[in-house]
Amino acid sequence: MKKLLIAAVVGALSSTLLVTAENASAQASSTATTKKTTAKPKAPQPKRLFKRKPNPAKEAKVDPIPDGAEKWTCKEGLSFEMKGDMKRDQIITVHWANKNYNLPRETTTTGADRFHDSASGLDVVVIPTKAMLFSDKDGERLADECKTAAMMEGAPAPTQSNAINKAQ
């Protein structure tokens, strides 16, 4: 008798679970289709003990373009400003994305001028016909086919190798 009673209870529970599982799966599929069309609610932000006052000067920090910087215009409407003489300076300043980067010279065997800062990941390579701006952190070329106004008129890039070739 006990076995029969237990079997009846188990049967009733399993049939109830089957019905609720079918309803739950039907509800999940209908909510999944509505979730695709509606925006996801944002997760609540953790509460702070002390509210931080906004500091617009710090949050919107924009470095000024260095005085005497030359504009390099690139394809796709990009540009950066460079201050320094690539023929003799060991460090140049590049103004990119509203920030100034001091890039030290790297030695190369190809004759290209390369300025690279490992802390920021910014890398400028200048060959006689153009300059390229790279990012080590993203592993991508940020700007390509960059030229000064003089280079657009046919002059070669103001590189160290071009200065040596003219001296000989």
Protein backbone atom coordinates (compact mmCIF):
# COMPACT_ATOMS: atom_id res chain seq x y z
CA MET A 1 0.00 0.00 0.00
CA LYS A 2 2.83 2.38 0.86
CA LYS A 3 4.51 1.61 -2.45
CA LEU A 4 1.31 2.36 -4.34
CA LEU A 5 0.88 5.66 -2.50
CA ILE A 6 4.48 6.68 -3.19
CA ALA A 7 4.10 5.79 -6.88
CA ALA A 8 0.93 7.91 -7.12
CA VAL A 9 2.65 10.91 -5.49
CA VAL A 10 5.69 10.59 -7.75
CA GLY A 11 3.44 10.32 -10.82
CA ALA A 12 1.46 13.41 -9.81
CA LEU A 13 4.65 15.41 -9.20
CA SER A 14 6.24 14.38 -12.48
CA SER A 15 3.14 15.29 -14.49
CA THR A 16 3.00 18.66 -12.72
CA LEU A 17 6.67 19.26 -13.52
CA LEU A 18 6.10 18.41 -17.18
CA VAL A 19 3.24 20.89 -17.46
CA THR A 20 5.17 23.66 -15.70
CA ALA A 21 8.31 22.94 -17.76
CA GLU A 22 6.30 23.30 -20.99
CA ASN A 23 4.82 26.59 -19.75
CA ALA A 24 8.25 27.83 -18.66
CA SER A 25 9.85 27.00 -22.01
CA ALA A 26 6.98 28.68 -23.86
CA GLN A 27 7.40 31.76 -21.68
CA ALA A 28 11.17 31.78 -22.17
CA SER A 29 10.85 31.67 -25.96
CA SER A 30 8.28 34.47 -25.97
CA THR A 31 10.40 36.65 -23.66
CA ALA A 32 13.47 35.92 -25.77
CA THR A 33 11.75 37.37 -28.83
CA THR A 34 10.63 40.43 -26.90
CA LYS A 35 14.10 40.92 -25.43
CA LYS A 36 15.52 41.25 -28.92
CA THR A 37 13.28 44.19 -29.68
CA THR A 38 13.55 45.99 -26.35
CA ALA A 39 16.65 47.57 -24.89
CA LYS A 40 18.49 45.85 -22.12
CA PRO A 41 18.03 47.56 -18.75
CA LYS A 42 21.22 48.91 -17.28
CA ALA A 43 22.67 47.23 -14.26
CA PRO A 44 22.33 49.36 -11.15
CA GLN A 45 25.46 51.23 -10.22
CA PRO A 46 26.99 50.50 -6.82
CA LYS A 47 26.21 53.10 -4.19
CA ARG A 48 29.11 55.29 -3.09
CA LEU A 49 29.57 56.30 0.49
CA PHE A 50 30.84 59.71 -0.58
CA LYS A 51 29.58 61.33 -3.75
CA ARG A 52 32.33 62.45 -6.04
CA LYS A 53 32.05 65.97 -7.37
CA PRO A 54 32.53 66.15 -11.13
CA ASN A 55 35.72 67.82 -12.23
CA PRO A 56 35.24 68.95 -15.82
CA ALA A 57 38.83 70.19 -16.11
CA LYS A 58 40.21 66.78 -15.23
CA GLU A 59 37.66 64.71 -17.16
CA ALA A 60 37.91 66.69 -20.38
CA LYS A 61 41.70 67.14 -20.40
CA VAL A 62 42.88 68.40 -23.75
CA ASP A 63 46.56 69.09 -24.34
CA PRO A 64 47.27 72.21 -26.39
CA ILE A 65 48.98 71.80 -29.74
CA PRO A 66 52.69 72.58 -29.16
CA ASP A 67 53.95 75.88 -30.55
CA GLY A 68 55.81 75.43 -33.82
CA ALA A 69 54.23 72.04 -34.55
CA GLU A 70 53.79 71.07 -38.18
CA LYS A 71 50.54 69.53 -39.36
CA TRP A 72 50.67 66.14 -41.08
CA THR A 73 47.52 65.46 -43.11
CA CYS A 74 46.62 61.80 -43.59
CA LYS A 75 44.14 59.89 -45.70
CA GLU A 76 40.59 59.35 -44.43
CA GLY A 77 40.56 62.93 -43.09
CA LEU A 78 42.92 62.21 -40.18
CA SER A 79 45.80 64.41 -39.09
CA PHE A 80 48.34 64.90 -36.33
CA GLU A 81 50.78 67.63 -35.39
CA MET A 82 54.50 67.03 -34.90
CA LYS A 83 56.98 69.30 -33.18
CA GLY A 84 60.68 68.70 -33.55
CA ASP A 85 63.34 68.35 -36.19
CA MET A 86 63.50 64.76 -37.35
CA LYS A 87 66.94 65.38 -38.87
CA ARG A 88 68.60 66.00 -35.49
CA ASP A 89 66.23 65.71 -32.50
CA GLN A 90 66.22 62.58 -30.35
CA ILE A 91 62.71 63.26 -29.02
CA ILE A 92 59.77 64.68 -30.95
CA THR A 93 56.32 65.68 -29.68
CA VAL A 94 53.29 64.28 -31.48
CA HIS A 95 49.84 65.75 -30.82
CA TRP A 96 47.29 62.99 -31.52
CA ALA A 97 43.71 62.64 -30.22
CA ASN A 98 43.95 65.80 -28.07
CA LYS A 99 47.04 64.52 -26.24
CA ASN A 100 50.75 65.25 -26.56
CA TYR A 101 53.15 62.32 -26.72
CA ASN A 102 56.93 62.62 -26.38
CA LEU A 103 58.42 59.97 -28.63
CA PRO A 104 62.12 59.09 -28.43
CA ARG A 105 64.03 58.11 -31.57
CA GLU A 106 64.52 54.40 -32.27
CA THR A 107 67.43 53.20 -34.38
CA THR A 108 66.55 51.39 -37.58
CA THR A 109 68.53 49.58 -40.25
CA THR A 110 66.20 50.55 -43.08
CA GLY A 111 66.86 54.28 -43.13
CA ALA A 112 63.35 55.14 -41.95
CA ASP A 113 62.96 57.50 -39.02
CA ARG A 114 61.11 55.79 -36.19
CA PHE A 115 59.93 57.39 -32.98
CA HIS A 116 58.37 55.06 -30.42
CA ASP A 117 57.14 55.42 -26.86
CA SER A 118 56.61 52.05 -25.18
CA ALA A 119 54.62 53.56 -22.29
CA SER A 120 51.88 54.98 -24.52
CA GLY A 121 52.34 52.50 -27.36
CA LEU A 122 52.44 55.27 -29.97
CA ASP A 123 54.82 54.70 -32.88
CA VAL A 124 55.61 57.06 -35.78
CA VAL A 125 57.49 55.76 -38.81
CA VAL A 126 58.57 58.26 -41.48
CA ILE A 127 59.92 57.24 -44.87
CA PRO A 128 60.78 59.66 -47.69
CA THR A 129 57.28 59.54 -49.22
CA LYS A 130 54.98 59.39 -46.17
CA ALA A 131 54.54 58.93 -42.43
CA MET A 132 52.52 56.30 -40.59
CA LEU A 133 51.17 56.34 -37.05
CA PHE A 134 50.81 53.02 -35.21
CA SER A 135 49.49 51.87 -31.86
CA ASP A 136 51.25 48.98 -30.10
CA LYS A 137 48.39 48.52 -27.66
CA ASP A 138 45.75 47.99 -30.35
CA GLY A 139 48.14 46.48 -32.88
CA GLU A 140 46.79 48.65 -35.67
CA ARG A 141 47.72 51.51 -37.95
CA LEU A 142 46.06 54.67 -36.67
CA ALA A 143 46.91 56.91 -39.63
CA ASP A 144 48.47 56.26 -43.03
CA GLU A 145 49.71 58.27 -46.02
CA CYS A 146 50.48 61.27 -43.78
CA LYS A 147 52.24 64.20 -45.44
CA THR A 148 53.21 67.76 -44.64
CA ALA A 149 52.21 70.66 -46.89
CA ALA A 150 55.71 70.63 -48.47
CA MET A 151 55.49 66.89 -49.12
CA MET A 152 52.17 67.35 -50.92
CA GLU A 153 53.99 69.70 -53.30
CA GLY A 154 56.62 67.04 -54.05
CA ALA A 155 59.32 67.56 -51.43
CA PRO A 156 60.63 64.49 -49.61
CA ALA A 157 59.98 63.96 -45.91
CA PRO A 158 62.29 65.86 -43.55
CA THR A 159 64.02 62.67 -42.36
CA GLN A 160 67.54 62.05 -41.14
CA SER A 161 68.37 59.87 -44.15
CA ASN A 162 67.28 62.60 -46.58
CA ALA A 163 69.50 65.11 -44.76
CA ILE A 164 72.49 62.75 -45.05
CA ASN A 165 71.85 62.16 -48.77
CA LYS A 166 71.77 65.93 -49.45
CA ALA A 167 75.02 66.48 -47.51
CA GLN A 168 76.93 63.96 -49.64
